[in-house]
PDB file of N, CA and C in Angstrom:
ATOM      1  N   MET A   1      83.641 148.458  -1.907  1.00  0.00           N
ATOM      2  CA  MET A   1      85.060 148.560  -1.687  1.00  0.00           C
ATOM      3  C   MET A   1      85.391 149.965  -1.192  1.00  0.00           C
ATOM      4  N   ARG A   2      86.168 150.057  -0.154  1.00  0.00           N
ATOM      5  CA  ARG A   2      86.572 151.332   0.428  1.00  0.00           C
ATOM      6  C   ARG A   2      87.688 151.954  -0.412  1.00  0.00           C
ATOM      7  N   GLU A   3      87.572 153.269  -0.704  1.00  0.00           N
ATOM      8  CA  GLU A   3      88.619 153.956  -1.440  1.00  0.00           C
ATOM      9  C   GLU A   3      89.821 154.185  -0.537  1.00  0.00           C
ATOM     10  N   LYS A   4      91.025 154.058  -1.120  1.00  0.00           N
ATOM     11  CA  LYS A   4      92.260 154.273  -0.359  1.00  0.00           C
ATOM     12  C   LYS A   4      92.533 155.767  -0.234  1.00  0.00           C
ATOM     13  N   SER A   5      93.103 156.149   0.881  1.00  0.00           N
ATOM     14  CA  SER A   5      93.527 157.541   1.041  1.00  0.00           C
ATOM     15  C   SER A   5      94.902 157.674   0.389  1.00  0.00           C
ATOM     16  N   TRP A   6      95.361 158.889   0.215  1.00  0.00           N
ATOM     17  CA  TRP A   6      96.655 159.111  -0.425  1.00  0.00           C
ATOM     18  C   TRP A   6      97.787 158.509   0.397  1.00  0.00           C
ATOM     19  N   ARG A   7      97.586 158.393   1.698  1.00  0.00           N
ATOM     20  CA  ARG A   7      98.641 157.828   2.557  1.00  0.00           C
ATOM     21  C   ARG A   7      98.776 156.315   2.401  1.00  0.00           C
ATOM     22  N   GLU A   8      97.743 155.670   1.911  1.00  0.00           N
ATOM     23  CA  GLU A   8      97.762 154.213   1.757  1.00  0.00           C
ATOM     24  C   GLU A   8      98.324 153.757   0.411  1.00  0.00           C
ATOM     25  N   ILE A   9      98.525 154.686  -0.494  1.00  0.00           N
ATOM     26  CA  ILE A   9      99.051 154.323  -1.809  1.00  0.00           C
ATOM     27  C   ILE A   9     100.580 154.317  -1.721  1.00  0.00           C
ATOM     28  N   PRO A  10     101.220 153.200  -2.087  1.00  0.00           N
ATOM     29  CA  PRO A  10     102.682 153.129  -2.003  1.00  0.00           C
ATOM     30  C   PRO A  10     103.349 154.103  -2.977  1.00  0.00           C
ATOM     31  N   ILE A  11     104.536 154.578  -2.647  1.00  0.00           N
ATOM     32  CA  ILE A  11     105.272 155.482  -3.515  1.00  0.00           C
ATOM     33  C   ILE A  11     105.471 154.793  -4.861  1.00  0.00           C
ATOM     34  N   GLY A  12     105.126 155.475  -5.920  1.00  0.00           N
ATOM     35  CA  GLY A  12     105.239 154.898  -7.253  1.00  0.00           C
ATOM     36  C   GLY A  12     104.164 153.874  -7.551  1.00  0.00           C
ATOM     37  N   GLY A  13     103.193 153.756  -6.647  1.00  0.00           N
ATOM     38  CA  GLY A  13     102.140 152.760  -6.813  1.00  0.00           C
ATOM     39  C   GLY A  13     101.081 153.193  -7.808  1.00  0.00           C
ATOM     40  N   MET A  14     100.346 152.234  -8.285  1.00  0.00           N
ATOM     41  CA  MET A  14      99.266 152.502  -9.227  1.00  0.00           C
ATOM     42  C   MET A  14      97.937 152.591  -8.494  1.00  0.00           C
ATOM     43  N   ILE A  15      97.051 153.389  -9.030  1.00  0.00           N
ATOM     44  CA  ILE A  15      95.703 153.463  -8.497  1.00  0.00           C
ATOM     45  C   ILE A  15      94.877 152.435  -9.256  1.00  0.00           C
ATOM     46  N   GLU A  16      94.253 151.550  -8.527  1.00  0.00           N
ATOM     47  CA  GLU A  16      93.471 150.495  -9.157  1.00  0.00           C
ATOM     48  C   GLU A  16      92.099 151.008  -9.571  1.00  0.00           C
ATOM     49  N   ASP A  17      91.524 150.373 -10.581  1.00  0.00           N
ATOM     50  CA  ASP A  17      90.171 150.689 -11.043  1.00  0.00           C
ATOM     51  C   ASP A  17      89.986 152.163 -11.386  1.00  0.00           C
ATOM     52  N   ALA A  18      90.936 152.727 -12.125  1.00  0.00           N
ATOM     53  CA  ALA A  18      90.817 154.123 -12.525  1.00  0.00           C
ATOM     54  C   ALA A  18      89.760 154.307 -13.616  1.00  0.00           C
ATOM     55  N   GLY A  19      89.341 153.210 -14.244  1.00  0.00           N
ATOM     56  CA  GLY A  19      88.347 153.287 -15.301  1.00  0.00           C
ATOM     57  C   GLY A  19      89.000 153.476 -16.659  1.00  0.00           C
ATOM     58  N   ASN A  20      88.188 153.703 -17.651  1.00  0.00           N
ATOM     59  CA  ASN A  20      88.705 153.971 -18.989  1.00  0.00           C
ATOM     60  C   ASN A  20      87.773 154.926 -19.704  1.00  0.00           C
ATOM     61  N   ALA A  21      88.113 155.269 -20.929  1.00  0.00           N
ATOM     62  CA  ALA A  21      87.324 156.254 -21.680  1.00  0.00           C
ATOM     63  C   ALA A  21      85.894 155.794 -21.908  1.00  0.00           C
ATOM     64  N   ASP A  22      85.678 154.495 -21.924  1.00  0.00           N
ATOM     65  CA  ASP A  22      84.323 153.987 -22.121  1.00  0.00           C
ATOM     66  C   ASP A  22      83.426 154.349 -20.938  1.00  0.00           C
ATOM     67  N   THR A  23      84.035 154.468 -19.769  1.00  0.00           N
ATOM     68  CA  THR A  23      83.301 154.783 -18.553  1.00  0.00           C
ATOM     69  C   THR A  23      82.888 156.257 -18.496  1.00  0.00           C
ATOM     70  N   TYR A  24      83.704 157.136 -19.085  1.00  0.00           N
ATOM     71  CA  TYR A  24      83.482 158.569 -18.971  1.00  0.00           C
ATOM     72  C   TYR A  24      83.088 159.178 -20.315  1.00  0.00           C
ATOM     73  N   GLU A  25      82.068 159.994 -20.313  1.00  0.00           N
ATOM     74  CA  GLU A  25      81.699 160.718 -21.523  1.00  0.00           C
ATOM     75  C   GLU A  25      82.521 161.992 -21.560  1.00  0.00           C
ATOM     76  N   THR A  26      83.367 162.109 -22.577  1.00  0.00           N
ATOM     77  CA  THR A  26      84.311 163.209 -22.673  1.00  0.00           C
ATOM     78  C   THR A  26      83.982 164.181 -23.802  1.00  0.00           C
ATOM     79  N   GLY A  27      82.866 163.980 -24.473  1.00  0.00           N
ATOM     80  CA  GLY A  27      82.502 164.821 -25.608  1.00  0.00           C
ATOM     81  C   GLY A  27      82.284 166.280 -25.260  1.00  0.00           C
ATOM     82  N   SER A  28      81.989 166.576 -24.026  1.00  0.00           N
ATOM     83  CA  SER A  28      81.753 167.971 -23.637  1.00  0.00           C
ATOM     84  C   SER A  28      83.045 168.788 -23.603  1.00  0.00           C
ATOM     85  N   TRP A  29      84.193 168.144 -23.749  1.00  0.00           N
ATOM     86  CA  TRP A  29      85.476 168.848 -23.760  1.00  0.00           C
ATOM     87  C   TRP A  29      85.722 169.541 -25.089  1.00  0.00           C
ATOM     88  N   ARG A  30      84.957 169.171 -26.089  1.00  0.00           N
ATOM     89  CA  ARG A  30      85.203 169.558 -27.472  1.00  0.00           C
ATOM     90  C   ARG A  30      84.965 171.051 -27.737  1.00  0.00           C
ATOM     91  N   THR A  31      85.850 171.648 -28.562  1.00  0.00           N
ATOM     92  CA  THR A  31      85.640 172.982 -29.115  1.00  0.00           C
ATOM     93  C   THR A  31      85.247 172.845 -30.578  1.00  0.00           C
ATOM     94  N   TYR A  32      85.899 171.897 -31.261  1.00  0.00           N
ATOM     95  CA  TYR A  32      85.598 171.594 -32.658  1.00  0.00           C
ATOM     96  C   TYR A  32      84.974 170.219 -32.752  1.00  0.00           C
ATOM     97  N   ARG A  33      84.081 170.055 -33.715  1.00  0.00           N
ATOM     98  CA  ARG A  33      83.387 168.785 -33.912  1.00  0.00           C
ATOM     99  C   ARG A  33      83.633 168.293 -35.339  1.00  0.00           C
ATOM    100  N   PRO A  34      83.987 167.001 -35.490  1.00  0.00           N
ATOM    101  CA  PRO A  34      84.105 166.475 -36.846  1.00  0.00           C
ATOM    102  C   PRO A  34      82.713 166.244 -37.436  1.00  0.00           C
ATOM    103  N   ILE A  35      82.507 166.757 -38.623  1.00  0.00           N
ATOM    104  CA  ILE A  35      81.245 166.571 -39.338  1.00  0.00           C
ATOM    105  C   ILE A  35      81.527 165.619 -40.493  1.00  0.00           C
ATOM    106  N   TRP A  36      80.781 164.527 -40.547  1.00  0.00           N
ATOM    107  CA  TRP A  36      80.993 163.479 -41.536  1.00  0.00           C
ATOM    108  C   TRP A  36      80.001 163.611 -42.677  1.00  0.00           C
ATOM    109  N   ASP A  37      80.512 163.600 -43.906  1.00  0.00           N
ATOM    110  CA  ASP A  37      79.677 163.646 -45.106  1.00  0.00           C
ATOM    111  C   ASP A  37      79.659 162.236 -45.697  1.00  0.00           C
ATOM    112  N   ALA A  38      78.595 161.503 -45.457  1.00  0.00           N
ATOM    113  CA  ALA A  38      78.486 160.104 -45.902  1.00  0.00           C
ATOM    114  C   ALA A  38      78.547 159.978 -47.416  1.00  0.00           C
ATOM    115  N   GLU A  39      78.110 161.015 -48.139  1.00  0.00           N
ATOM    116  CA  GLU A  39      78.128 160.981 -49.605  1.00  0.00           C
ATOM    117  C   GLU A  39      79.552 160.973 -50.160  1.00  0.00           C
ATOM    118  N   LYS A  40      80.465 161.646 -49.474  1.00  0.00           N
ATOM    119  CA  LYS A  40      81.855 161.733 -49.925  1.00  0.00           C
ATOM    120  C   LYS A  40      82.716 160.560 -49.446  1.00  0.00           C
ATOM    121  N   CYS A  41      82.317 159.919 -48.368  1.00  0.00           N
ATOM    122  CA  CYS A  41      83.138 158.898 -47.710  1.00  0.00           C
ATOM    123  C   CYS A  41      83.349 157.671 -48.607  1.00  0.00           C
ATOM    124  N   ILE A  42      84.625 157.235 -48.695  1.00  0.00           N
ATOM    125  CA  ILE A  42      84.955 156.030 -49.462  1.00  0.00           C
ATOM    126  C   ILE A  42      85.237 154.850 -48.531  1.00  0.00           C
ATOM    127  N   HIS A  43      85.045 155.041 -47.240  1.00  0.00           N
ATOM    128  CA  HIS A  43      85.219 154.002 -46.223  1.00  0.00           C
ATOM    129  C   HIS A  43      86.622 153.404 -46.238  1.00  0.00           C
ATOM    130  N   CYS A  44      87.616 154.282 -46.369  1.00  0.00           N
ATOM    131  CA  CYS A  44      89.014 153.829 -46.332  1.00  0.00           C
ATOM    132  C   CYS A  44      89.434 153.498 -44.899  1.00  0.00           C
ATOM    133  N   LEU A  45      88.699 154.028 -43.920  1.00  0.00           N
ATOM    134  CA  LEU A  45      88.884 153.800 -42.487  1.00  0.00           C
ATOM    135  C   LEU A  45      90.164 154.393 -41.917  1.00  0.00           C
ATOM    136  N   ALA A  46      90.789 155.329 -42.637  1.00  0.00           N
ATOM    137  CA  ALA A  46      91.966 156.015 -42.108  1.00  0.00           C
ATOM    138  C   ALA A  46      91.593 156.762 -40.823  1.00  0.00           C
ATOM    139  N   CYS A  47      90.404 157.317 -40.780  1.00  0.00           N
ATOM    140  CA  CYS A  47      89.930 158.038 -39.589  1.00  0.00           C
ATOM    141  C   CYS A  47      89.785 157.085 -38.405  1.00  0.00           C
ATOM    142  N   TRP A  48      89.246 155.921 -38.663  1.00  0.00           N
ATOM    143  CA  TRP A  48      89.015 154.929 -37.606  1.00  0.00           C
ATOM    144  C   TRP A  48      90.339 154.455 -37.013  1.00  0.00           C
ATOM    145  N   ILE A  49      91.322 154.224 -37.869  1.00  0.00           N
ATOM    146  CA  ILE A  49      92.642 153.769 -37.408  1.00  0.00           C
ATOM    147  C   ILE A  49      93.298 154.830 -36.544  1.00  0.00           C
ATOM    148  N   ALA A  50      93.181 156.090 -36.939  1.00  0.00           N
ATOM    149  CA  ALA A  50      93.891 157.180 -36.270  1.00  0.00           C
ATOM    150  C   ALA A  50      93.194 157.731 -35.031  1.00  0.00           C
ATOM    151  N   CYS A  51      91.903 157.519 -34.885  1.00  0.00           N
ATOM    152  CA  CYS A  51      91.152 158.124 -33.773  1.00  0.00           C
ATOM    153  C   CYS A  51      91.643 157.604 -32.425  1.00  0.00           C
ATOM    154  N   PRO A  52      92.175 158.493 -31.565  1.00  0.00           N
ATOM    155  CA  PRO A  52      92.663 158.054 -30.262  1.00  0.00           C
ATOM    156  C   PRO A  52      91.549 157.729 -29.262  1.00  0.00           C
ATOM    157  N   ASP A  53      90.322 158.105 -29.584  1.00  0.00           N
ATOM    158  CA  ASP A  53      89.208 157.897 -28.660  1.00  0.00           C
ATOM    159  C   ASP A  53      88.258 156.790 -29.090  1.00  0.00           C
ATOM    160  N   SER A  54      88.578 156.114 -30.193  1.00  0.00           N
ATOM    161  CA  SER A  54      87.703 155.073 -30.748  1.00  0.00           C
ATOM    162  C   SER A  54      86.281 155.601 -30.944  1.00  0.00           C
ATOM    163  N   ALA A  55      86.199 156.837 -31.422  1.00  0.00           N
ATOM    164  CA  ALA A  55      84.889 157.476 -31.593  1.00  0.00           C
ATOM    165  C   ALA A  55      84.290 157.250 -32.979  1.00  0.00           C
ATOM    166  N   ILE A  56      85.062 156.697 -33.903  1.00  0.00           N
ATOM    167  CA  ILE A  56      84.541 156.415 -35.240  1.00  0.00           C
ATOM    168  C   ILE A  56      83.759 155.105 -35.169  1.00  0.00           C
ATOM    169  N   GLN A  57      82.508 155.157 -35.550  1.00  0.00           N
ATOM    170  CA  GLN A  57      81.631 153.985 -35.463  1.00  0.00           C
ATOM    171  C   GLN A  57      81.606 153.243 -36.792  1.00  0.00           C
ATOM    172  N   LEU A  58      81.740 151.913 -36.712  1.00  0.00           N
ATOM    173  CA  LEU A  58      81.728 151.061 -37.893  1.00  0.00           C
ATOM    174  C   LEU A  58      80.615 150.044 -37.825  1.00  0.00           C
ATOM    175  N   LYS A  59      80.170 149.634 -39.009  1.00  0.00           N
ATOM    176  CA  LYS A  59      79.238 148.520 -39.125  1.00  0.00           C
ATOM    177  C   LYS A  59      79.547 147.824 -40.447  1.00  0.00           C
ATOM    178  N   ASP A  60      79.774 146.548 -40.377  1.00  0.00           N
ATOM    179  CA  ASP A  60      80.100 145.753 -41.568  1.00  0.00           C
ATOM    180  C   ASP A  60      81.275 146.333 -42.342  1.00  0.00           C
ATOM    181  N   GLY A  61      82.292 146.812 -41.623  1.00  0.00           N
ATOM    182  CA  GLY A  61      83.506 147.328 -42.254  1.00  0.00           C
ATOM    183  C   GLY A  61      83.380 148.690 -42.896  1.00  0.00           C
ATOM    184  N   LYS A  62      82.325 149.423 -42.580  1.00  0.00           N
ATOM    185  CA  LYS A  62      82.124 150.759 -43.138  1.00  0.00           C
ATOM    186  C   LYS A  62      81.824 151.745 -42.018  1.00  0.00           C
ATOM    187  N   MET A  63      82.258 152.967 -42.224  1.00  0.00           N
ATOM    188  CA  MET A  63      81.959 154.015 -41.253  1.00  0.00           C
ATOM    189  C   MET A  63      80.472 154.332 -41.295  1.00  0.00           C
ATOM    190  N   VAL A  64      79.866 154.429 -40.101  1.00  0.00           N
ATOM    191  CA  VAL A  64      78.440 154.741 -40.029  1.00  0.00           C
ATOM    192  C   VAL A  64      78.160 155.987 -39.186  1.00  0.00           C
ATOM    193  N   GLY A  65      79.195 156.530 -38.561  1.00  0.00           N
ATOM    194  CA  GLY A  65      78.975 157.723 -37.761  1.00  0.00           C
ATOM    195  C   GLY A  65      80.092 157.977 -36.769  1.00  0.00           C
ATOM    196  N   ILE A  66      79.848 158.932 -35.880  1.00  0.00           N
ATOM    197  CA  ILE A  66      80.825 159.344 -34.873  1.00  0.00           C
ATOM    198  C   ILE A  66      80.162 159.321 -33.508  1.00  0.00           C
ATOM    199  N   ASP A  67      80.827 158.744 -32.540  1.00  0.00           N
ATOM    200  CA  ASP A  67      80.351 158.713 -31.162  1.00  0.00           C
ATOM    201  C   ASP A  67      80.737 160.038 -30.504  1.00  0.00           C
ATOM    202  N   TYR A  68      79.845 161.000 -30.563  1.00  0.00           N
ATOM    203  CA  TYR A  68      80.130 162.329 -30.025  1.00  0.00           C
ATOM    204  C   TYR A  68      80.196 162.354 -28.497  1.00  0.00           C
ATOM    205  N   SER A  69      79.749 161.311 -27.841  1.00  0.00           N
ATOM    206  CA  SER A  69      79.861 161.251 -26.384  1.00  0.00           C
ATOM    207  C   SER A  69      81.312 161.075 -25.948  1.00  0.00           C
ATOM    208  N   HIS A  70      82.140 160.513 -26.837  1.00  0.00           N
ATOM    209  CA  HIS A  70      83.544 160.260 -26.498  1.00  0.00           C
ATOM    210  C   HIS A  70      84.529 161.042 -27.358  1.00  0.00           C
ATOM    211  N   CYS A  71      84.082 161.612 -28.455  1.00  0.00           N
ATOM    212  CA  CYS A  71      84.955 162.399 -29.334  1.00  0.00           C
ATOM    213  C   CYS A  71      85.360 163.688 -28.621  1.00  0.00           C
ATOM    214  N   LYS A  72      86.676 163.938 -28.551  1.00  0.00           N
ATOM    215  CA  LYS A  72      87.173 165.143 -27.895  1.00  0.00           C
ATOM    216  C   LYS A  72      87.452 166.272 -28.875  1.00  0.00           C
ATOM    217  N   GLY A  73      87.246 166.005 -30.183  1.00  0.00           N
ATOM    218  CA  GLY A  73      87.409 167.058 -31.181  1.00  0.00           C
ATOM    219  C   GLY A  73      88.851 167.371 -31.533  1.00  0.00           C
ATOM    220  N   CYS A  74      89.730 166.394 -31.459  1.00  0.00           N
ATOM    221  CA  CYS A  74      91.150 166.635 -31.729  1.00  0.00           C
ATOM    222  C   CYS A  74      91.427 166.919 -33.200  1.00  0.00           C
ATOM    223  N   GLY A  75      90.583 166.423 -34.110  1.00  0.00           N
ATOM    224  CA  GLY A  75      90.739 166.689 -35.532  1.00  0.00           C
ATOM    225  C   GLY A  75      91.630 165.710 -36.275  1.00  0.00           C
ATOM    226  N   ILE A  76      92.151 164.712 -35.601  1.00  0.00           N
ATOM    227  CA  ILE A  76      93.012 163.730 -36.270  1.00  0.00           C
ATOM    228  C   ILE A  76      92.257 163.019 -37.380  1.00  0.00           C
ATOM    229  N   CYS A  77      90.998 162.700 -37.161  1.00  0.00           N
ATOM    230  CA  CYS A  77      90.202 162.004 -38.177  1.00  0.00           C
ATOM    231  C   CYS A  77      90.104 162.833 -39.454  1.00  0.00           C
ATOM    232  N   ALA A  78      89.835 164.125 -39.322  1.00  0.00           N
ATOM    233  CA  ALA A  78      89.722 165.004 -40.489  1.00  0.00           C
ATOM    234  C   ALA A  78      91.070 165.178 -41.171  1.00  0.00           C
ATOM    235  N   PHE A  79      92.136 165.223 -40.386  1.00  0.00           N
ATOM    236  CA  PHE A  79      93.482 165.347 -40.944  1.00  0.00           C
ATOM    237  C   PHE A  79      93.853 164.107 -41.759  1.00  0.00           C
ATOM    238  N   GLU A  80      93.467 162.937 -41.274  1.00  0.00           N
ATOM    239  CA  GLU A  80      93.804 161.685 -41.944  1.00  0.00           C
ATOM    240  C   GLU A  80      92.897 161.363 -43.134  1.00  0.00           C
ATOM    241  N   CYS A  81      91.742 161.987 -43.219  1.00  0.00           N
ATOM    242  CA  CYS A  81      90.843 161.764 -44.350  1.00  0.00           C
ATOM    243  C   CYS A  81      91.530 162.267 -45.614  1.00  0.00           C
ATOM    244  N   PRO A  82      91.591 161.448 -46.681  1.00  0.00           N
ATOM    245  CA  PRO A  82      92.293 161.881 -47.904  1.00  0.00           C
ATOM    246  C   PRO A  82      91.798 163.236 -48.400  1.00  0.00           C
ATOM    247  N   ASP A  83      92.748 164.116 -48.773  1.00  0.00           N
ATOM    248  CA  ASP A  83      92.424 165.485 -49.216  1.00  0.00           C
ATOM    249  C   ASP A  83      91.413 165.525 -50.357  1.00  0.00           C
ATOM    250  N   LYS A  84      91.520 164.603 -51.270  1.00  0.00           N
ATOM    251  CA  LYS A  84      90.619 164.604 -52.419  1.00  0.00           C
ATOM    252  C   LYS A  84      89.198 164.208 -52.023  1.00  0.00           C
ATOM    253  N   ILE A  85      89.078 163.538 -50.885  1.00  0.00           N
ATOM    254  CA  ILE A  85      87.770 163.067 -50.422  1.00  0.00           C
ATOM    255  C   ILE A  85      87.137 164.095 -49.482  1.00  0.00           C
ATOM    256  N   ALA A  86      87.863 164.457 -48.429  1.00  0.00           N
ATOM    257  CA  ALA A  86      87.412 165.419 -47.414  1.00  0.00           C
ATOM    258  C   ALA A  86      86.010 165.106 -46.895  1.00  0.00           C
ATOM    259  N   ALA A  87      85.821 163.863 -46.489  1.00  0.00           N
ATOM    260  CA  ALA A  87      84.520 163.458 -45.951  1.00  0.00           C
ATOM    261  C   ALA A  87      84.334 163.886 -44.499  1.00  0.00           C
ATOM    262  N   LEU A  88      85.404 164.317 -43.853  1.00  0.00           N
ATOM    263  CA  LEU A  88      85.338 164.816 -42.483  1.00  0.00           C
ATOM    264  C   LEU A  88      85.846 166.248 -42.451  1.00  0.00           C
ATOM    265  N   GLU A  89      85.072 167.117 -41.814  1.00  0.00           N
ATOM    266  CA  GLU A  89      85.426 168.524 -41.712  1.00  0.00           C
ATOM    267  C   GLU A  89      85.220 168.967 -40.272  1.00  0.00           C
ATOM    268  N   MET A  90      86.176 169.708 -39.731  1.00  0.00           N
ATOM    269  CA  MET A  90      86.058 170.197 -38.363  1.00  0.00           C
ATOM    270  C   MET A  90      85.312 171.526 -38.361  1.00  0.00           C
ATOM    271  N   LYS A  91      84.309 171.624 -37.490  1.00  0.00           N
ATOM    272  CA  LYS A  91      83.538 172.862 -37.342  1.00  0.00           C
ATOM    273  C   LYS A  91      83.450 173.216 -35.864  1.00  0.00           C
ATOM    274  N   LEU A  92      83.409 174.496 -35.591  1.00  0.00           N
ATOM    275  CA  LEU A  92      83.231 174.938 -34.208  1.00  0.00           C
ATOM    276  C   LEU A  92      81.899 174.413 -33.677  1.00  0.00           C
ATOM    277  N   GLU A  93      81.888 174.018 -32.440  1.00  0.00           N
ATOM    278  CA  GLU A  93      80.651 173.533 -31.814  1.00  0.00           C
ATOM    279  C   GLU A  93      79.546 174.578 -31.911  1.00  0.00           C
ATOM    280  N   THR A  94      79.937 175.844 -31.813  1.00  0.00           N
ATOM    281  CA  THR A  94      78.930 176.913 -31.861  1.00  0.00           C
ATOM    282  C   THR A  94      78.294 177.059 -33.246  1.00  0.00           C
ATOM    283  N   GLU A  95      78.941 176.479 -34.281  1.00  0.00           N
ATOM    284  CA  GLU A  95      78.408 176.563 -35.636  1.00  0.00           C
ATOM    285  C   GLU A  95      77.526 175.363 -35.996  1.00  0.00           C
ATOM    286  N   VAL A  96      77.507 174.365 -35.132  1.00  0.00           N
ATOM    287  CA  VAL A  96      76.793 173.124 -35.425  1.00  0.00           C
ATOM    288  C   VAL A  96      75.408 173.157 -34.793  1.00  0.00           C
ATOM    289  N   ASN A  97      74.406 172.844 -35.575  1.00  0.00           N
ATOM    290  CA  ASN A  97      73.036 172.745 -35.058  1.00  0.00           C
ATOM    291  C   ASN A  97      72.713 171.287 -34.854  1.00  0.00           C
ATOM    292  N   ASP A  98      72.449 170.891 -33.630  1.00  0.00           N
ATOM    293  CA  ASP A  98      72.088 169.503 -33.338  1.00  0.00           C
ATOM    294  C   ASP A  98      70.610 169.287 -33.508  1.00  0.00           C
TER     295      ASP A  98
END
């Protein structure tokens, strides 16, 4: 399929096939990384509900990890994790050893 030039797009028109977050790995945008402590997690899934990038991974209704290829490091998951639990903590990427 030939890409349209800017002159061929109608005023107020939409660009077709722009893709979605699943198509693009956006994890390299991150400054902070959520670190998950499985021992503390009660699997309330507040993080999963709130994550705008669908980066919280589930299996059988329980959190099993974070998709760092798509996580942008916004920190919403850590903010939504109950204070008494604190199973998610934001750390600078430079402090994390992969």
